Protein backbone atom coordinates (compact mmCIF):
# COMPACT_ATOMS: atom_id res chain seq x y z
CA MET A 1 51.90 -12.00 27.97
CA LYS A 2 50.85 -13.06 24.46
CA GLN A 3 47.58 -14.40 25.86
CA MET A 4 46.92 -11.13 27.71
CA ALA A 5 47.68 -9.09 24.58
CA GLY A 6 45.36 -11.29 22.56
CA LYS A 7 42.56 -10.81 25.08
CA ARG A 8 43.05 -7.02 25.04
CA ILE A 9 42.89 -6.96 21.23
CA THR A 10 39.74 -9.09 21.24
CA ALA A 11 38.09 -6.87 23.86
CA MET A 12 38.98 -3.75 21.91
CA GLY A 13 37.56 -5.32 18.78
CA VAL A 14 34.26 -6.06 20.52
CA VAL A 15 34.05 -2.50 21.88
CA PHE A 16 34.80 -1.05 18.42
CA PHE A 17 32.16 -3.29 16.82
CA LEU A 18 29.47 -2.27 19.33
CA PHE A 19 30.44 1.41 18.98
CA SER A 20 30.22 1.25 15.18
CA MET A 21 26.86 -0.52 15.37
CA THR A 22 25.55 2.23 17.65
CA LEU A 23 26.72 4.91 15.24
CA SER A 24 25.23 3.12 12.24
CA GLY A 25 21.94 2.68 14.10
CA CYS A 26 21.80 6.40 14.88
CA ALA A 27 22.76 7.40 11.32
CA ALA A 28 20.11 5.13 9.85
CA ILE A 29 17.16 7.16 11.15
CA ARG A 30 15.20 8.42 8.16
CA SER A 31 12.51 11.09 8.60
CA TRP A 32 9.75 11.91 6.16
CA ASP A 33 7.69 15.11 6.32
CA GLU A 34 3.93 15.03 5.90
CA VAL A 35 2.52 15.22 2.37
CA ARG A 36 -0.43 17.43 1.47
CA GLY A 37 -2.03 17.04 -1.92
CA ARG A 38 -5.31 17.24 -3.83
CA VAL A 39 -7.42 14.89 -5.88
CA LEU A 40 -9.18 16.41 -8.89
CA ASP A 41 -11.61 15.20 -11.52
CA ALA A 42 -9.55 14.73 -14.70
CA ASP A 43 -12.25 16.28 -16.89
CA THR A 44 -13.77 19.07 -14.80
CA LYS A 45 -10.70 19.77 -12.60
CA GLU A 46 -13.11 19.97 -9.65
CA PRO A 47 -12.03 18.48 -6.27
CA VAL A 48 -13.15 14.93 -5.48
CA GLU A 49 -14.21 14.16 -1.91
CA GLY A 50 -13.98 10.76 -0.20
CA VAL A 51 -11.02 9.40 -2.17
CA VAL A 52 -8.71 6.95 -0.37
CA VAL A 53 -5.07 7.80 -1.14
CA VAL A 54 -2.38 5.20 -0.36
CA TYR A 55 1.34 5.97 -0.05
CA HIS A 56 4.12 3.38 0.11
CA TRP A 57 7.59 3.56 1.61
CA GLU A 58 9.99 1.30 -0.31
CA GLY A 59 13.70 0.50 -0.24
CA THR A 60 16.29 -2.03 -1.32
CA ALA A 61 16.96 -5.00 0.97
CA SER A 62 20.43 -6.42 0.36
CA SER A 63 22.01 -9.72 1.28
CA ILE A 64 25.09 -11.66 0.22
CA VAL A 65 23.07 -13.51 -2.40
CA VAL A 66 20.61 -10.99 -3.81
CA SER A 67 19.14 -7.49 -3.53
CA ARG A 68 15.44 -6.77 -3.93
CA ASP A 69 13.08 -3.83 -3.61
CA GLN A 70 10.45 -4.13 -0.90
CA CYS A 71 7.69 -2.08 0.69
CA TYR A 72 8.14 -1.62 4.44
CA HIS A 73 5.54 0.98 5.43
CA VAL A 74 2.15 2.17 4.19
CA GLU A 75 -0.10 5.11 5.07
CA SER A 76 -3.51 6.14 3.77
CA ALA A 77 -5.71 9.23 3.94
CA VAL A 78 -9.16 10.30 2.74
CA THR A 79 -9.80 13.54 0.85
CA ASP A 80 -12.03 16.24 2.33
CA ALA A 81 -14.62 18.39 0.53
CA GLY A 82 -11.81 20.36 -1.11
CA GLY A 83 -10.18 17.20 -2.43
CA VAL A 84 -7.29 17.69 0.03
CA PHE A 85 -5.51 14.76 1.68
CA THR A 86 -2.69 14.66 4.25
CA ILE A 87 -0.25 11.76 4.60
CA PRO A 88 1.29 12.06 8.09
CA ALA A 89 4.99 12.45 8.79
CA TRP A 90 6.80 9.23 9.69
CA ASN A 91 10.27 8.13 10.72
CA GLU A 92 11.99 4.94 11.77
CA SER A 93 15.43 3.80 12.82
CA PHE A 94 16.75 1.24 10.37
CA GLY A 95 19.23 -0.05 12.92
CA ASN A 96 16.60 -2.48 14.18
CA PRO A 97 16.93 -6.13 13.11
CA GLN A 98 13.84 -6.06 10.90
CA HIS A 99 15.32 -3.46 8.54
CA MET A 100 19.05 -3.86 9.22
CA ASN A 101 19.85 -4.57 5.56
CA LEU A 102 17.32 -2.12 4.12
CA ASP A 103 18.37 0.98 2.21
CA PRO A 104 15.31 3.28 2.39
CA LYS A 105 14.87 5.23 -0.82
CA TRP A 106 11.35 6.08 -1.88
CA ARG A 107 8.03 7.33 -0.61
CA PHE A 108 5.43 7.74 -3.31
CA MET A 109 1.73 7.73 -4.09
CA LYS A 110 0.79 4.16 -4.92
CA LEU A 111 -2.89 4.58 -5.73
CA ALA A 112 -6.04 6.60 -5.20
CA TYR A 113 -9.48 5.03 -5.19
CA LYS A 114 -13.12 6.03 -5.06
CA PRO A 115 -16.05 3.92 -6.31
CA GLY A 116 -17.04 4.91 -9.84
CA TYR A 117 -13.60 6.35 -10.67
CA ARG A 118 -10.29 5.11 -12.00
CA MET A 119 -6.82 6.64 -12.01
CA SER A 120 -6.11 9.03 -14.88
CA GLU A 121 -2.81 9.07 -16.76
CA LEU A 122 -2.58 12.78 -15.82
CA SER A 123 -1.59 11.66 -12.30
CA TYR A 124 1.74 10.36 -13.59
CA LYS A 125 2.80 13.55 -15.34
CA GLU A 126 5.89 15.16 -13.81
CA GLN A 127 4.11 18.45 -13.01
CA ALA A 128 1.26 16.64 -11.21
CA GLN A 129 3.70 14.61 -9.14
CA GLN A 130 5.71 17.68 -8.17
CA GLN A 131 2.53 19.42 -6.99
CA ASN A 132 1.07 16.27 -5.34
CA LEU A 133 -1.95 16.39 -7.64
CA ILE A 134 -3.90 13.22 -8.39
CA TYR A 135 -6.47 13.00 -11.18
CA LEU A 136 -9.36 10.55 -11.28
CA LYS A 137 -11.65 9.84 -14.23
CA LYS A 138 -15.26 8.75 -13.93
CA TYR A 139 -16.49 5.50 -15.38
CA GLU A 140 -19.13 6.54 -17.89
CA PRO A 141 -21.09 4.03 -19.96
CA LYS A 142 -20.67 4.95 -23.63
CA ILE A 143 -22.14 1.71 -24.94
CA ARG A 144 -25.64 0.40 -25.53
CA LYS A 145 -27.62 -0.55 -22.43
CA GLU A 146 -27.50 -4.27 -23.28
CA ARG A 147 -23.69 -4.16 -23.21
CA LEU A 148 -23.34 -2.66 -19.70
CA TRP A 149 -22.06 -6.03 -18.47
CA TYR A 150 -18.77 -5.18 -20.19
CA LEU A 151 -18.42 -2.01 -18.11
CA ARG A 152 -19.16 -3.95 -14.90
CA GLU A 153 -16.49 -6.51 -15.71
CA GLU A 154 -13.98 -3.79 -16.48
CA GLN A 155 -14.64 -2.14 -13.10
CA LEU A 156 -14.34 -5.46 -11.25
CA TRP A 157 -10.97 -6.25 -12.84
CA TYR A 158 -9.86 -2.72 -11.94
CA LEU A 159 -10.87 -3.29 -8.29
CA LEU A 160 -8.80 -6.48 -8.24
CA ASP A 161 -5.81 -4.57 -9.62
CA VAL A 162 -6.25 -1.87 -6.96
CA ILE A 163 -6.01 -4.48 -4.21
CA ARG A 164 -2.99 -6.21 -5.72
CA ASN A 165 -1.19 -2.90 -6.29
CA SER A 166 -1.73 -1.79 -2.69
CA GLU A 167 0.29 -4.68 -1.25
CA CYS A 168 3.06 -3.73 1.18
CA GLY A 169 4.30 -7.10 2.36
CA GLU A 170 6.84 -5.96 4.97
CA ALA A 171 4.69 -3.27 6.58
CA GLU A 172 3.70 -4.05 10.16
CA ASN A 173 0.79 -1.59 9.94
CA MET A 174 -0.65 -2.87 6.66
CA ARG A 175 -3.66 -4.62 8.23
CA GLU A 176 -4.79 -1.70 10.39
CA GLU A 177 -4.11 0.83 7.62
CA LEU A 178 -5.85 -0.97 4.74
CA LEU A 179 -8.55 -3.16 6.31
CA GLN A 180 -11.32 -0.58 5.94
CA PHE A 181 -10.06 0.27 2.45
CA TYR A 182 -10.27 -3.37 1.36
CA SER A 183 -13.70 -3.73 2.97
CA GLY A 184 -15.03 -0.84 0.90
CA ILE A 185 -13.65 -2.34 -2.31
CA TYR A 186 -15.15 -5.76 -1.56
CA PHE A 187 -18.65 -4.44 -0.89
CA LYS A 188 -18.49 -2.28 -4.02
CA ALA A 189 -17.54 -5.39 -6.01
CA GLU A 190 -20.41 -7.38 -4.49
CA LYS A 191 -22.88 -4.72 -5.57
CA LEU A 192 -21.48 -4.64 -9.11
CA ALA A 193 -21.50 -8.39 -9.75
CA ARG A 194 -24.64 -9.81 -11.40
CA THR A 195 -23.46 -12.75 -13.50
CA ASN A 196 -21.55 -15.92 -12.62
CA LYS A 197 -18.48 -14.63 -14.46
CA GLU A 198 -18.58 -11.38 -12.51
CA GLN A 199 -18.96 -13.31 -9.25
CA GLU A 200 -15.81 -15.25 -10.14
CA ILE A 201 -13.91 -11.95 -10.19
CA VAL A 202 -15.39 -11.10 -6.78
CA ASP A 203 -14.09 -14.44 -5.49
CA LYS A 204 -10.61 -13.50 -6.76
CA ILE A 205 -10.93 -10.20 -4.89
CA LYS A 206 -11.85 -12.03 -1.67
CA ARG A 207 -8.91 -14.41 -2.07
CA ALA A 208 -6.47 -11.53 -2.68
CA ILE A 209 -7.70 -9.70 0.43
CA VAL A 210 -7.28 -12.77 2.64
CA ILE A 211 -3.77 -13.49 1.36
CA LEU A 212 -2.63 -9.88 1.84
CA LEU A 213 -4.16 -9.31 5.28
CA SER A 214 -3.57 -12.72 6.83
CA GLY A 215 0.10 -12.84 5.83
CA SER A 216 -0.23 -16.55 5.07
CA GLU A 217 1.99 -18.09 2.42
CA ASN A 218 -0.43 -20.98 1.91
CA GLU A 219 -3.33 -20.95 -0.53
CA PRO A 220 -6.50 -20.32 1.54
CA SER A 221 -9.42 -22.71 1.17
CA LYS A 222 -12.92 -21.47 0.43
CA GLU A 223 -13.89 -22.19 4.05
CA GLU A 224 -10.90 -20.19 5.37
CA ILE A 225 -11.79 -17.26 3.11
CA ASN A 226 -15.40 -17.26 4.32
CA ARG A 227 -14.33 -17.46 7.99
CA PHE A 228 -11.93 -14.56 7.52
CA PHE A 229 -14.62 -12.40 5.93
CA GLU A 230 -17.19 -13.23 8.61
CA LYS A 231 -14.70 -12.23 11.32
CA SER A 232 -12.82 -9.29 9.84
CA ILE A 233 -14.61 -7.65 6.91
CA LYS A 234 -17.36 -5.23 7.84
CA GLU A 235 -19.26 -2.89 5.54
CA PRO A 236 -17.95 0.66 6.09
CA SER A 237 -20.41 3.07 7.68
CA ARG A 238 -21.60 5.83 5.42
């Protein structure tokens, strides 16, 4: 009798566990509505067309040992003639094994990029964020012609920062979503670089792209970087 009672208790425990897991899986579905916003020139307040806008979904992944914030989804959009962009709605059940310990918390604009522009500090003002407004500022040479190399270097370092800041390591769709974006940045960098020092920054850009898109934890060799670019990186059509 004791053995039978023990078996019944064990069976009930298994059923309760599976039932609770089912409930938690259902409750863990998080939905996000689409986002519509505009990109404006910080000085003229005119709309800017052809800007790539990248949004990240991030949350806190917890374990017995440590908790850490991580990016688990990424979406991008390109502005139209009115400077308008639309980030599509998205939802996922966090009952799946990949995100079982993930507490989804944030979706936010990570960056906006167009050649010849940089992000303006106006984009981070509370009012701009509430209205989904993004401001870009043009790079304008305000130095003597013989010092234009300084402006080129500044833009190249900015392009490298854009790539590094776009990383979303846990996103399954990162490659398909950002490949064309990275390609555009690389070819812009190639056109900017004229000196050996500037080409060194371009090489850093290539390395960063390979590491982010290949998902490899190992340092890529020069040959591996070149093979990756020959196979995967194509100049965007105009």
